[in-house]
N, C-alpha and C. Protein backbone atom coordinates (compact mmCIF):
# COMPACT_ATOMS: atom_id res chain seq x y z
N MET A 1 30.97 -4.01 -17.61
CA MET A 1 29.72 -3.48 -16.52
C MET A 1 28.97 -4.43 -15.92
N ALA A 2 28.81 -4.23 -14.77
CA ALA A 2 28.06 -5.49 -13.80
C ALA A 2 26.61 -5.69 -14.55
N SER A 3 26.30 -6.97 -14.71
CA SER A 3 25.07 -6.98 -15.14
C SER A 3 24.18 -7.15 -14.01
N LEU A 4 22.82 -6.24 -14.37
CA LEU A 4 21.79 -6.33 -13.29
C LEU A 4 20.82 -7.40 -13.38
N VAL A 5 20.64 -8.17 -12.30
CA VAL A 5 19.88 -9.07 -12.22
C VAL A 5 18.46 -8.94 -11.28
N ARG A 6 17.29 -9.07 -12.09
CA ARG A 6 16.59 -8.79 -10.94
C ARG A 6 15.81 -10.06 -10.19
N ALA A 7 16.14 -10.55 -9.00
CA ALA A 7 15.69 -11.71 -8.39
C ALA A 7 14.79 -11.34 -7.25
N VAL A 8 13.90 -12.00 -6.90
CA VAL A 8 13.10 -11.85 -5.86
C VAL A 8 12.98 -12.77 -4.77
N ARG A 9 12.82 -12.05 -3.50
CA ARG A 9 12.90 -12.78 -2.33
C ARG A 9 11.79 -12.26 -1.31
N ILE A 10 11.24 -13.39 -0.71
CA ILE A 10 9.73 -13.04 0.01
C ILE A 10 10.36 -12.77 1.41
N ARG A 11 9.77 -11.71 2.28
CA ARG A 11 9.88 -11.64 3.34
C ARG A 11 8.64 -11.65 4.17
N PRO A 12 8.55 -11.77 5.49
CA PRO A 12 7.31 -11.36 6.09
C PRO A 12 6.90 -9.89 6.04
N PHE A 13 5.57 -9.49 5.79
CA PHE A 13 5.17 -8.21 6.20
C PHE A 13 4.21 -8.03 7.11
N VAL A 14 3.57 -7.12 7.58
CA VAL A 14 2.93 -6.76 8.80
C VAL A 14 1.30 -7.72 8.63
N CYS A 15 0.64 -7.63 7.43
CA CYS A 15 -0.52 -7.95 7.59
C CYS A 15 -0.54 -9.71 7.23
N GLY A 16 0.29 -10.57 7.42
CA GLY A 16 0.55 -11.80 6.89
C GLY A 16 0.91 -11.69 5.40
N LEU A 17 0.92 -10.65 4.91
CA LEU A 17 1.32 -10.40 3.46
C LEU A 17 2.84 -10.49 3.41
N HIS A 18 3.40 -10.78 2.10
CA HIS A 18 4.67 -10.91 2.02
C HIS A 18 4.92 -9.40 1.12
N SER A 19 6.05 -8.89 1.19
CA SER A 19 6.81 -7.85 0.29
C SER A 19 7.86 -8.38 -0.50
N LEU A 20 7.85 -7.89 -1.46
CA LEU A 20 8.97 -8.67 -2.39
C LEU A 20 9.73 -7.49 -2.85
N GLY A 21 11.22 -7.59 -3.06
CA GLY A 21 12.19 -6.61 -3.22
C GLY A 21 13.25 -7.14 -4.28
N PRO A 22 13.81 -6.27 -5.07
CA PRO A 22 14.68 -6.76 -5.77
C PRO A 22 16.18 -7.08 -5.24
N ARG A 23 17.15 -7.91 -5.82
CA ARG A 23 18.18 -8.13 -5.40
C ARG A 23 19.10 -8.51 -6.42
N MET A 24 20.47 -7.60 -6.19
CA MET A 24 21.31 -7.73 -7.09
C MET A 24 22.49 -8.88 -7.04
N MET A 25 22.95 -9.20 -8.22
CA MET A 25 23.73 -10.55 -8.36
C MET A 25 25.27 -9.75 -8.63
N SER A 26 26.19 -10.48 -8.32
CA SER A 26 27.59 -9.81 -8.42
C SER A 26 28.07 -9.78 -10.01
N ASP A 27 29.17 -9.10 -9.71
CA ASP A 27 29.88 -9.08 -11.33
C ASP A 27 30.23 -10.31 -11.95
N GLY A 28 30.23 -10.44 -13.22
CA GLY A 28 30.64 -11.72 -13.77
C GLY A 28 29.89 -12.88 -14.15
N LEU A 29 28.72 -12.48 -13.97
CA LEU A 29 27.58 -13.41 -13.89
C LEU A 29 26.71 -13.40 -15.15
N GLY A 30 26.76 -14.43 -15.68
CA GLY A 30 25.73 -14.46 -17.09
C GLY A 30 23.99 -14.17 -16.79
N GLU A 31 23.24 -14.40 -18.08
CA GLU A 31 22.00 -14.52 -17.50
C GLU A 31 21.23 -15.69 -16.99
N LEU A 32 20.57 -15.42 -16.06
CA LEU A 32 19.98 -16.40 -15.36
C LEU A 32 19.20 -17.42 -16.22
N GLY A 33 19.34 -18.87 -16.11
CA GLY A 33 18.81 -19.67 -17.08
C GLY A 33 19.52 -19.92 -18.11
N SER A 34 20.91 -19.60 -18.20
CA SER A 34 21.87 -20.02 -19.45
C SER A 34 22.48 -20.98 -19.09
N GLY A 35 22.60 -21.96 -18.05
CA GLY A 35 23.10 -22.71 -17.90
C GLY A 35 23.67 -22.78 -16.63
N SER A 36 24.22 -24.11 -16.09
CA SER A 36 24.78 -24.35 -14.69
C SER A 36 26.54 -23.49 -15.06
N GLY A 37 26.93 -22.75 -13.90
CA GLY A 37 28.05 -21.86 -14.24
C GLY A 37 28.11 -20.91 -14.92
N LYS A 38 26.99 -20.49 -15.47
CA LYS A 38 26.93 -19.15 -16.17
C LYS A 38 26.07 -18.24 -15.82
N GLY A 39 25.87 -18.33 -14.31
CA GLY A 39 24.92 -17.57 -13.95
C GLY A 39 23.60 -18.16 -13.43
N GLY A 40 23.45 -19.08 -14.13
CA GLY A 40 21.90 -19.71 -14.13
C GLY A 40 22.02 -20.65 -12.81
N GLY A 41 23.26 -20.96 -12.49
CA GLY A 41 22.97 -21.93 -11.09
C GLY A 41 22.36 -23.30 -11.38
N ALA A 42 22.32 -23.93 -10.16
CA ALA A 42 21.60 -25.37 -10.52
C ALA A 42 20.12 -25.25 -9.85
N GLY A 43 19.41 -24.77 -10.76
CA GLY A 43 18.06 -24.50 -10.21
C GLY A 43 17.21 -25.61 -10.73
N GLY A 44 17.98 -26.89 -11.21
CA GLY A 44 17.07 -27.96 -11.87
C GLY A 44 17.60 -28.26 -13.37
N SER A 45 17.20 -29.43 -13.56
CA SER A 45 17.75 -30.12 -14.85
C SER A 45 17.65 -29.26 -16.01
N ILE A 46 16.59 -28.46 -16.09
CA ILE A 46 16.09 -27.69 -17.32
C ILE A 46 17.16 -26.38 -17.38
N ARG A 47 17.09 -25.79 -16.14
CA ARG A 47 18.16 -24.88 -16.05
C ARG A 47 19.54 -25.10 -16.34
N GLU A 48 19.91 -26.20 -15.57
CA GLU A 48 21.41 -26.58 -15.79
C GLU A 48 21.63 -26.87 -17.49
N ALA A 49 20.65 -27.22 -18.28
CA ALA A 49 20.87 -27.50 -19.54
C ALA A 49 21.10 -26.22 -20.41
N GLY A 50 20.73 -25.29 -19.95
CA GLY A 50 20.74 -23.89 -20.38
C GLY A 50 19.81 -23.84 -21.83
N GLY A 51 20.25 -22.73 -22.48
CA GLY A 51 19.41 -22.51 -23.68
C GLY A 51 17.94 -21.89 -23.45
N THR A 52 17.51 -21.86 -24.39
CA THR A 52 15.93 -21.51 -24.62
C THR A 52 15.03 -21.94 -23.26
N LEU A 53 15.25 -23.36 -23.23
CA LEU A 53 13.94 -23.83 -22.11
C LEU A 53 14.48 -23.12 -20.69
N GLY A 54 15.88 -23.17 -20.27
CA GLY A 54 16.17 -22.39 -19.05
C GLY A 54 15.71 -21.01 -18.95
N LYS A 55 15.94 -20.29 -19.88
CA LYS A 55 15.48 -18.75 -20.23
C LYS A 55 14.17 -18.74 -19.91
N LYS A 56 13.53 -19.54 -20.57
CA LYS A 56 11.87 -19.51 -20.47
C LYS A 56 11.40 -19.94 -19.10
N GLU A 57 12.11 -20.74 -18.31
CA GLU A 57 11.94 -21.22 -17.11
C GLU A 57 11.87 -20.05 -16.19
N VAL A 58 13.19 -19.25 -16.23
CA VAL A 58 13.43 -18.04 -15.37
C VAL A 58 12.25 -16.95 -15.96
N ALA A 59 11.82 -16.92 -17.06
CA ALA A 59 10.70 -15.82 -17.59
C ALA A 59 9.85 -16.10 -16.72
N GLU A 60 9.23 -17.76 -16.50
CA GLU A 60 7.98 -18.13 -16.15
C GLU A 60 8.04 -17.35 -14.58
N GLU A 61 8.96 -18.06 -14.13
CA GLU A 61 9.27 -17.75 -12.58
C GLU A 61 9.26 -16.17 -12.14
N GLU A 62 9.71 -15.15 -13.00
CA GLU A 62 9.88 -13.85 -12.71
C GLU A 62 8.35 -13.15 -13.06
N MET A 63 7.37 -14.30 -13.84
CA MET A 63 6.11 -13.85 -14.17
C MET A 63 5.14 -13.81 -12.88
N TYR A 64 5.42 -15.18 -12.43
CA TYR A 64 4.71 -15.84 -11.23
C TYR A 64 5.15 -14.75 -10.15
N PHE A 65 6.25 -14.51 -9.76
CA PHE A 65 6.37 -13.59 -8.76
C PHE A 65 5.89 -12.09 -9.11
N ARG A 66 6.00 -11.69 -10.20
CA ARG A 66 5.33 -10.35 -10.49
C ARG A 66 3.83 -10.23 -10.06
N ARG A 67 3.14 -11.53 -10.68
CA ARG A 67 1.82 -11.78 -10.33
C ARG A 67 1.59 -11.91 -8.73
N LEU A 68 2.32 -12.67 -8.24
CA LEU A 68 1.98 -12.85 -6.64
C LEU A 68 2.45 -11.30 -6.05
N GLN A 69 3.17 -10.48 -6.44
CA GLN A 69 3.46 -9.21 -6.05
C GLN A 69 2.35 -8.38 -6.11
N GLN A 70 1.60 -8.46 -7.48
CA GLN A 70 0.45 -7.63 -7.43
C GLN A 70 -0.88 -8.07 -6.65
N GLN A 71 -0.79 -9.31 -6.75
CA GLN A 71 -1.96 -9.88 -5.88
C GLN A 71 -1.61 -9.34 -4.26
N GLN A 72 -0.41 -9.33 -3.98
CA GLN A 72 -0.25 -8.91 -2.59
C GLN A 72 -0.39 -7.31 -2.18
N LEU A 73 -0.07 -6.70 -3.35
CA LEU A 73 -0.22 -5.11 -3.01
C LEU A 73 -1.87 -4.97 -3.35
N SER A 74 -2.32 -5.70 -3.98
CA SER A 74 -3.83 -5.55 -4.07
C SER A 74 -4.79 -5.90 -3.06
N GLU A 75 -4.28 -6.81 -2.18
CA GLU A 75 -4.88 -7.31 -0.71
C GLU A 75 -4.33 -6.51 0.13
N LEU A 76 -3.15 -5.65 -0.08
CA LEU A 76 -2.75 -4.72 0.96
C LEU A 76 -3.66 -3.44 1.02
N LYS A 77 -4.19 -3.10 -0.46
CA LYS A 77 -4.55 -2.04 -0.55
C LYS A 77 -6.05 -2.02 -0.42
N LYS A 78 -6.62 -3.43 -0.50
CA LYS A 78 -8.00 -3.72 0.06
C LYS A 78 -8.16 -3.47 1.69
N HIS A 79 -7.05 -4.06 2.43
CA HIS A 79 -7.04 -4.13 3.96
C HIS A 79 -7.07 -2.50 4.39
N HIS A 80 -5.93 -1.92 3.34
CA HIS A 80 -6.12 -0.33 3.95
C HIS A 80 -7.19 0.31 3.95
N ALA A 81 -8.03 0.00 2.77
CA ALA A 81 -9.24 0.49 2.41
C ALA A 81 -10.21 0.28 3.30
N ASP A 82 -10.29 -1.08 3.77
CA ASP A 82 -11.17 -1.60 4.99
C ASP A 82 -10.98 -1.02 6.08
N GLU A 83 -9.53 -0.87 6.39
CA GLU A 83 -9.13 0.07 7.87
C GLU A 83 -9.86 1.29 7.73
N ILE A 84 -9.62 2.11 6.86
CA ILE A 84 -10.10 3.44 6.58
C ILE A 84 -11.64 3.81 6.95
N ARG A 85 -12.35 2.85 5.94
CA ARG A 85 -13.60 2.62 6.42
C ARG A 85 -14.29 2.64 7.78
N GLN A 86 -13.47 1.56 8.27
CA GLN A 86 -13.77 1.23 9.75
C GLN A 86 -13.48 2.19 10.77
N ARG A 87 -12.38 3.17 10.31
CA ARG A 87 -12.04 4.27 11.32
C ARG A 87 -12.81 5.21 11.30
N GLU A 88 -13.30 5.63 9.78
CA GLU A 88 -14.08 6.64 9.62
C GLU A 88 -15.55 6.51 10.35
N LEU A 89 -16.04 5.20 10.26
CA LEU A 89 -17.36 4.77 10.91
C LEU A 89 -17.08 4.96 12.40
N ASP A 90 -15.76 4.60 13.09
CA ASP A 90 -15.57 4.91 14.45
C ASP A 90 -15.70 6.28 14.75
N ILE A 91 -15.15 7.40 13.73
CA ILE A 91 -15.13 8.89 13.87
C ILE A 91 -16.64 9.15 14.10
N LYS A 92 -17.36 8.75 13.19
CA LYS A 92 -18.68 9.24 13.20
C LYS A 92 -19.46 8.66 14.63
N ARG A 93 -19.30 7.45 14.79
CA ARG A 93 -19.95 6.95 16.07
C ARG A 93 -19.46 7.72 17.43
N HIS A 94 -18.32 8.19 17.36
CA HIS A 94 -17.67 8.71 18.59
C HIS A 94 -18.19 10.31 18.66
N LYS A 95 -18.27 10.94 17.44
CA LYS A 95 -18.78 12.40 17.38
C LYS A 95 -20.54 12.18 17.68
N GLU A 96 -21.07 11.26 17.24
CA GLU A 96 -22.61 11.20 17.70
C GLU A 96 -22.58 11.14 19.30
N ALA A 97 -21.57 10.19 20.05
CA ALA A 97 -21.69 10.34 21.25
C ALA A 97 -21.16 11.63 22.17
N ILE A 98 -20.35 12.27 21.44
CA ILE A 98 -19.84 13.42 21.88
C ILE A 98 -21.06 14.33 22.04
N GLU A 99 -21.96 14.40 20.81
CA GLU A 99 -23.25 15.56 20.92
C GLU A 99 -24.14 14.99 21.71
N ARG A 100 -24.36 13.78 22.06
CA ARG A 100 -25.18 13.09 23.01
C ARG A 100 -24.73 13.63 24.28
N HIS A 101 -23.76 13.40 24.63
CA HIS A 101 -23.07 13.70 26.17
C HIS A 101 -23.34 15.44 26.37
N LYS A 102 -22.94 16.14 24.98
CA LYS A 102 -22.96 17.82 25.47
C LYS A 102 -24.52 17.84 25.56
N LEU A 103 -25.32 17.01 24.96
CA LEU A 103 -27.19 17.71 25.08
C LEU A 103 -27.21 17.18 26.70
N LYS A 104 -26.77 16.03 27.02
CA LYS A 104 -26.91 15.71 28.48
C LYS A 104 -26.44 16.78 29.64
N ILE A 105 -25.11 17.17 29.27
CA ILE A 105 -24.81 18.39 30.15
C ILE A 105 -25.69 19.41 30.12
N ARG A 106 -25.96 19.94 28.84
CA ARG A 106 -26.95 21.14 28.63
C ARG A 106 -28.19 20.81 29.42
N ASP A 107 -28.83 19.91 29.42
CA ASP A 107 -30.10 19.30 30.02
C ASP A 107 -29.72 19.49 31.48
N LEU A 108 -28.70 18.99 32.02
CA LEU A 108 -28.38 19.21 33.62
C LEU A 108 -28.00 20.35 34.04
N GLU A 109 -27.37 21.11 33.17
CA GLU A 109 -27.27 22.35 33.55
C GLU A 109 -28.69 23.46 33.60
N ARG A 110 -29.68 22.98 32.97
CA ARG A 110 -30.85 23.59 32.73
C ARG A 110 -31.61 23.16 33.93
N THR A 111 -31.63 22.14 34.24
CA THR A 111 -32.42 21.45 35.38
C THR A 111 -31.89 21.56 36.52
N ALA A 112 -30.38 22.05 36.66
CA ALA A 112 -30.06 21.92 38.20
C ALA A 112 -30.47 23.14 38.94
N PRO A 113 -30.57 22.64 40.42
CA PRO A 113 -31.07 23.82 41.09
C PRO A 113 -29.79 24.96 41.34
N GLY A 114 -29.98 26.25 41.16
CA GLY A 114 -29.16 27.31 41.24
C GLY A 114 -28.54 27.61 40.20
N SER A 115 -29.16 27.25 38.94
CA SER A 115 -28.86 27.43 37.69
C SER A 115 -28.71 29.00 37.33
N GLN A 116 -28.02 29.71 36.59
CA GLN A 116 -28.04 30.77 36.08
C GLN A 116 -29.53 31.32 35.65
N SER A 117 -30.09 30.24 34.94
CA SER A 117 -31.51 30.63 34.19
C SER A 117 -32.75 30.70 35.41
N ASP A 118 -32.49 29.94 36.39
CA ASP A 118 -33.24 29.93 37.47
C ASP A 118 -33.08 31.36 38.58
N SER A 119 -31.90 31.78 38.74
CA SER A 119 -31.80 32.95 39.53
C SER A 119 -32.38 34.30 38.95
N ASP A 120 -32.87 34.34 37.80
CA ASP A 120 -33.53 35.59 37.45
C ASP A 120 -34.66 36.16 37.62
């Protein structure tokens, strides 16, 4: 059965943030960090040696990317919350402007010569 290995790659996202996504490795590869030629690749001398240190390095790398992803998601949520607050303030300001203009139109209609209220 194919072994599913979770690796992370970074690609640009809209607001200068990065999105992280899983990537699948092909069949026949062993665990990451298990040494050169065993799925661990040549990711450095510790990884090439394999064993516990190589696996530990892979685990630390995974934790780093998981923390990075959580931080980016947190920043993205904050950005969207700020955008929502700003749009709500814009809506409130526009509604107030609409009401002011409606009042001005009513005042103009009342004071205009030949208006319906003056003809009675």
